[in-house]
């Protein structure tokens, strides 16, 4: 496992993640924040994943890259969700921060810990996988 830490800001209560050579403004796909996406803390369309955050502010965000399946550590988090993600260029843009990521298919795991009504801790895991499904592993209760 490789781990890096990013310092970035969220905007519109989300952090967007996409292939480093993809321009989401050129896409015809829309990220739709419907009621299910809000409960899931994220929405997905081909090439872009938008990860929901509790607050708009600066974040210190651990990002881990795994070669194979790993423990989701559900007891440490209030909410854990996975999205399919494919890196084509070897770079990924995470909230306007570029990170090297070997080209290939991944499950992008988004982990959320609510620390107050207006703040949270977060982590991204990129897990090599041919599984390309969206799934909630643990749901944040209201």
Foldseek 3Di string as FASTA:
>chain_A
DDKDKDKAWDDPQKKKKFAPVDDVVPDPDDFDCDPVQVQQQWTDDPGMIIGGFLATDIATEMEAEEAADDDPPVVVAQWKKWAKYFHQPQWMQINNDIDGDPGAIWIWMWTWHDPDNRHIHIYIYTHHDPDGDIGIPHTHDD
